[in-house]
Amino acid sequence: MTIFLGIISASMLIIISFFHFYWAYGGTYGLDSVIPTKENTDKIIRPKPLITSFVAVILLCVGLVYLDAFFHGNLIPIENNVKKYLLLTFSSVFILRSIGEFNYVGFFKRIKNTKFARKDSQYFSPLCLFLGLSGILLLVIEN
């Protein structure tokens, strides 16, 4: 089970990180589906390339933390307690992201008829819930 949780979760996070790098440096594939919009298609946020690159780096680091949990703490040279807190924090953030902010993002969003909202309900929120729960399971299995 740890193979599935660790490798799959880390792989997904690293792939998502690469997409963020791609978008930060001018790529447009899929970009119209990943930014929340109002019902009139106005974007809620307009992330700058620097912020998108920062998110990409964070996602890459989170992927490495998940991978480290799979390898039982032998990948990243920091104290195991710190890694456990990081994994718990990241898992919590993913679960909170899946719940959402009750307007545009998450399972409990009000705006549901936009392209982003449909993708969020089908893919993004379930993925975040999976990543959050898999991180917690990796913590439990590791102990």
C-alpha atoms as a PDB file:
ATOM      1  CA  MET A   1       0.000   0.000   0.000  1.00  0.00           C
ATOM      2  CA  THR A   2       2.873   2.405   0.720  1.00  0.00           C
ATOM      3  CA  ILE A   3       4.105   1.900  -2.849  1.00  0.00           C
ATOM      4  CA  PHE A   4       0.788   3.139  -4.191  1.00  0.00           C
ATOM      5  CA  LEU A   5       0.452   6.023  -1.756  1.00  0.00           C
ATOM      6  CA  GLY A   6       4.035   7.216  -1.868  1.00  0.00           C
ATOM      7  CA  ILE A   7       4.970   6.759  -5.499  1.00  0.00           C
ATOM      8  CA  ILE A   8       1.602   7.741  -6.993  1.00  0.00           C
ATOM      9  CA  SER A   9       1.155  10.782  -4.736  1.00  0.00           C
ATOM     10  CA  ALA A  10       4.705  11.993  -5.292  1.00  0.00           C
ATOM     11  CA  SER A  11       4.428  11.416  -9.045  1.00  0.00           C
ATOM     12  CA  MET A  12       1.200  13.401  -9.244  1.00  0.00           C
ATOM     13  CA  LEU A  13       2.682  16.269  -7.265  1.00  0.00           C
ATOM     14  CA  ILE A  14       5.808  16.382  -9.405  1.00  0.00           C
ATOM     15  CA  ILE A  15       3.762  16.320 -12.624  1.00  0.00           C
ATOM     16  CA  ILE A  16       1.521  19.107 -11.303  1.00  0.00           C
ATOM     17  CA  SER A  17       4.677  21.034 -10.376  1.00  0.00           C
ATOM     18  CA  PHE A  18       5.969  20.703 -13.939  1.00  0.00           C
ATOM     19  CA  PHE A  19       2.656  22.045 -15.278  1.00  0.00           C
ATOM     20  CA  HIS A  20       3.043  25.092 -13.031  1.00  0.00           C
ATOM     21  CA  PHE A  21       6.573  25.670 -14.341  1.00  0.00           C
ATOM     22  CA  TYR A  22       5.213  25.317 -17.876  1.00  0.00           C
ATOM     23  CA  TRP A  23       2.510  27.928 -17.207  1.00  0.00           C
ATOM     24  CA  ALA A  24       4.934  30.244 -15.414  1.00  0.00           C
ATOM     25  CA  TYR A  25       7.175  30.328 -18.463  1.00  0.00           C
ATOM     26  CA  GLY A  26       4.441  31.069 -20.969  1.00  0.00           C
ATOM     27  CA  GLY A  27       2.718  27.736 -21.651  1.00  0.00           C
ATOM     28  CA  THR A  28      -1.020  27.891 -22.266  1.00  0.00           C
ATOM     29  CA  TYR A  29      -2.156  24.268 -22.583  1.00  0.00           C
ATOM     30  CA  GLY A  30      -4.922  23.653 -20.030  1.00  0.00           C
ATOM     31  CA  LEU A  31      -4.611  27.121 -18.537  1.00  0.00           C
ATOM     32  CA  ASP A  32      -8.223  28.038 -19.289  1.00  0.00           C
ATOM     33  CA  SER A  33      -9.420  25.197 -17.017  1.00  0.00           C
ATOM     34  CA  VAL A  34      -7.256  25.678 -13.940  1.00  0.00           C
ATOM     35  CA  ILE A  35      -8.029  29.227 -12.801  1.00  0.00           C
ATOM     36  CA  PRO A  36     -11.327  29.848 -10.987  1.00  0.00           C
ATOM     37  CA  THR A  37     -13.712  32.149 -12.819  1.00  0.00           C
ATOM     38  CA  LYS A  38     -16.925  33.964 -12.084  1.00  0.00           C
ATOM     39  CA  GLU A  39     -19.996  32.869 -14.008  1.00  0.00           C
ATOM     40  CA  ASN A  40     -19.261  35.542 -16.627  1.00  0.00           C
ATOM     41  CA  THR A  41     -15.793  33.960 -17.200  1.00  0.00           C
ATOM     42  CA  ASP A  42     -13.892  36.750 -15.399  1.00  0.00           C
ATOM     43  CA  LYS A  43     -10.889  35.197 -13.662  1.00  0.00           C
ATOM     44  CA  ILE A  44     -10.904  35.362  -9.866  1.00  0.00           C
ATOM     45  CA  ILE A  45      -7.110  35.549  -9.762  1.00  0.00           C
ATOM     46  CA  ARG A  46      -4.445  36.487 -12.274  1.00  0.00           C
ATOM     47  CA  PRO A  47      -1.315  34.774 -11.001  1.00  0.00           C
ATOM     48  CA  LYS A  48       1.980  36.292 -12.075  1.00  0.00           C
ATOM     49  CA  PRO A  49       4.764  34.049 -13.405  1.00  0.00           C
ATOM     50  CA  LEU A  50       6.810  34.520 -10.220  1.00  0.00           C
ATOM     51  CA  ILE A  51       3.937  33.332  -8.017  1.00  0.00           C
ATOM     52  CA  THR A  52       3.245  30.409 -10.355  1.00  0.00           C
ATOM     53  CA  SER A  53       6.944  29.456 -10.216  1.00  0.00           C
ATOM     54  CA  PHE A  54       6.820  29.646  -6.420  1.00  0.00           C
ATOM     55  CA  VAL A  55       3.798  27.316  -6.373  1.00  0.00           C
ATOM     56  CA  ALA A  56       5.688  24.952  -8.709  1.00  0.00           C
ATOM     57  CA  VAL A  57       8.679  24.850  -6.345  1.00  0.00           C
ATOM     58  CA  ILE A  58       6.422  24.247  -3.334  1.00  0.00           C
ATOM     59  CA  LEU A  59       4.605  21.415  -5.124  1.00  0.00           C
ATOM     60  CA  LEU A  60       7.932  19.871  -6.106  1.00  0.00           C
ATOM     61  CA  CYS A  61       9.100  20.026  -2.476  1.00  0.00           C
ATOM     62  CA  VAL A  62       5.811  18.533  -1.270  1.00  0.00           C
ATOM     63  CA  GLY A  63       6.257  15.716  -3.789  1.00  0.00           C
ATOM     64  CA  LEU A  64       9.707  15.052  -2.381  1.00  0.00           C
ATOM     65  CA  VAL A  65       8.312  14.950   1.169  1.00  0.00           C
ATOM     66  CA  TYR A  66       5.734  12.355   0.057  1.00  0.00           C
ATOM     67  CA  LEU A  67       8.477  10.397  -1.691  1.00  0.00           C
ATOM     68  CA  ASP A  68      10.621  10.599   1.442  1.00  0.00           C
ATOM     69  CA  ALA A  69       7.760   9.133   3.478  1.00  0.00           C
ATOM     70  CA  PHE A  70       7.608   6.247   1.017  1.00  0.00           C
ATOM     71  CA  PHE A  71      11.342   5.651   1.496  1.00  0.00           C
ATOM     72  CA  HIS A  72      10.854   5.778   5.284  1.00  0.00           C
ATOM     73  CA  GLY A  73      12.751   9.018   5.781  1.00  0.00           C
ATOM     74  CA  ASN A  74      15.935   8.242   3.869  1.00  0.00           C
ATOM     75  CA  LEU A  75      15.604  10.744   1.015  1.00  0.00           C
ATOM     76  CA  ILE A  76      15.604  14.231   2.581  1.00  0.00           C
ATOM     77  CA  PRO A  77      18.395  14.993   5.069  1.00  0.00           C
ATOM     78  CA  ILE A  78      16.328  16.691   7.774  1.00  0.00           C
ATOM     79  CA  GLU A  79      15.071  15.442  11.114  1.00  0.00           C
ATOM     80  CA  ASN A  80      12.259  12.880  10.913  1.00  0.00           C
ATOM     81  CA  ASN A  81       9.992  14.817  13.282  1.00  0.00           C
ATOM     82  CA  VAL A  82      10.214  17.850  10.993  1.00  0.00           C
ATOM     83  CA  LYS A  83       9.328  15.680   8.001  1.00  0.00           C
ATOM     84  CA  LYS A  84       6.334  14.262   9.868  1.00  0.00           C
ATOM     85  CA  TYR A  85       5.076  17.765  10.672  1.00  0.00           C
ATOM     86  CA  LEU A  86       5.597  18.800   7.054  1.00  0.00           C
ATOM     87  CA  LEU A  87       3.659  15.789   5.797  1.00  0.00           C
ATOM     88  CA  LEU A  88       0.854  16.458   8.280  1.00  0.00           C
ATOM     89  CA  THR A  89       0.761  20.137   7.293  1.00  0.00           C
ATOM     90  CA  PHE A  90       0.705  19.413   3.563  1.00  0.00           C
ATOM     91  CA  SER A  91      -1.945  16.738   4.029  1.00  0.00           C
ATOM     92  CA  SER A  92      -4.096  19.165   6.014  1.00  0.00           C
ATOM     93  CA  VAL A  93      -3.735  21.858   3.345  1.00  0.00           C
ATOM     94  CA  PHE A  94      -4.818  19.413   0.636  1.00  0.00           C
ATOM     95  CA  ILE A  95      -7.862  18.304   2.648  1.00  0.00           C
ATOM     96  CA  LEU A  96      -8.816  21.928   3.314  1.00  0.00           C
ATOM     97  CA  ARG A  97      -8.373  22.698  -0.400  1.00  0.00           C
ATOM     98  CA  SER A  98     -10.720  19.849  -1.273  1.00  0.00           C
ATOM     99  CA  ILE A  99     -13.348  21.233   1.101  1.00  0.00           C
ATOM    100  CA  GLY A 100     -12.837  24.665  -0.429  1.00  0.00           C
ATOM    101  CA  GLU A 101     -13.630  28.255   0.371  1.00  0.00           C
ATOM    102  CA  PHE A 102     -17.364  27.820  -0.343  1.00  0.00           C
ATOM    103  CA  ASN A 103     -17.535  30.129  -3.386  1.00  0.00           C
ATOM    104  CA  TYR A 104     -15.351  29.017  -6.292  1.00  0.00           C
ATOM    105  CA  VAL A 105     -13.163  26.122  -5.113  1.00  0.00           C
ATOM    106  CA  GLY A 106     -13.733  22.753  -3.451  1.00  0.00           C
ATOM    107  CA  PHE A 107     -16.544  20.282  -2.967  1.00  0.00           C
ATOM    108  CA  PHE A 108     -18.766  22.866  -1.287  1.00  0.00           C
ATOM    109  CA  LYS A 109     -18.451  25.726  -3.812  1.00  0.00           C
ATOM    110  CA  ARG A 110     -21.462  27.833  -4.786  1.00  0.00           C
ATOM    111  CA  ILE A 111     -20.379  28.623  -8.356  1.00  0.00           C
ATOM    112  CA  LYS A 112     -20.672  25.297 -10.194  1.00  0.00           C
ATOM    113  CA  ASN A 113     -21.392  26.136 -13.824  1.00  0.00           C
ATOM    114  CA  THR A 114     -18.008  27.333 -15.045  1.00  0.00           C
ATOM    115  CA  LYS A 115     -15.369  25.331 -16.882  1.00  0.00           C
ATOM    116  CA  PHE A 116     -13.081  25.493 -13.847  1.00  0.00           C
ATOM    117  CA  ALA A 117     -15.881  24.488 -11.458  1.00  0.00           C
ATOM    118  CA  ARG A 118     -16.654  21.369 -13.472  1.00  0.00           C
ATOM    119  CA  LYS A 119     -12.956  20.395 -13.647  1.00  0.00           C
ATOM    120  CA  ASP A 120     -12.606  21.154  -9.959  1.00  0.00           C
ATOM    121  CA  SER A 121     -15.503  18.866  -9.066  1.00  0.00           C
ATOM    122  CA  GLN A 122     -14.329  16.089 -11.394  1.00  0.00           C
ATOM    123  CA  TYR A 123     -10.576  16.192 -10.873  1.00  0.00           C
ATOM    124  CA  PHE A 124      -8.969  18.869  -8.700  1.00  0.00           C
ATOM    125  CA  SER A 125     -10.923  18.500  -5.442  1.00  0.00           C
ATOM    126  CA  PRO A 126     -10.901  14.672  -5.507  1.00  0.00           C
ATOM    127  CA  LEU A 127      -7.158  14.777  -6.251  1.00  0.00           C
ATOM    128  CA  CYS A 128      -6.568  17.098  -3.291  1.00  0.00           C
ATOM    129  CA  LEU A 129      -8.636  14.838  -1.038  1.00  0.00           C
ATOM    130  CA  PHE A 130      -6.640  11.821  -2.233  1.00  0.00           C
ATOM    131  CA  LEU A 131      -3.316  13.616  -1.629  1.00  0.00           C
ATOM    132  CA  GLY A 132      -4.425  14.732   1.824  1.00  0.00           C
ATOM    133  CA  LEU A 133      -5.654  11.314   2.895  1.00  0.00           C
ATOM    134  CA  SER A 134      -2.670   9.511   1.379  1.00  0.00           C
ATOM    135  CA  GLY A 135      -0.296  11.801   3.297  1.00  0.00           C
ATOM    136  CA  ILE A 136      -2.075  11.021   6.551  1.00  0.00           C
ATOM    137  CA  LEU A 137      -2.038   7.292   5.757  1.00  0.00           C
ATOM    138  CA  LEU A 138       1.695   7.493   5.003  1.00  0.00           C
ATOM    139  CA  LEU A 139       2.164   9.061   8.430  1.00  0.00           C
ATOM    140  CA  VAL A 140       0.136   6.334  10.122  1.00  0.00           C
ATOM    141  CA  ILE A 141       1.831   3.515   8.201  1.00  0.00           C
ATOM    142  CA  GLU A 142       5.280   4.996   8.851  1.00  0.00           C
ATOM    143  CA  ASN A 143       4.788   4.938  12.637  1.00  0.00           C
END
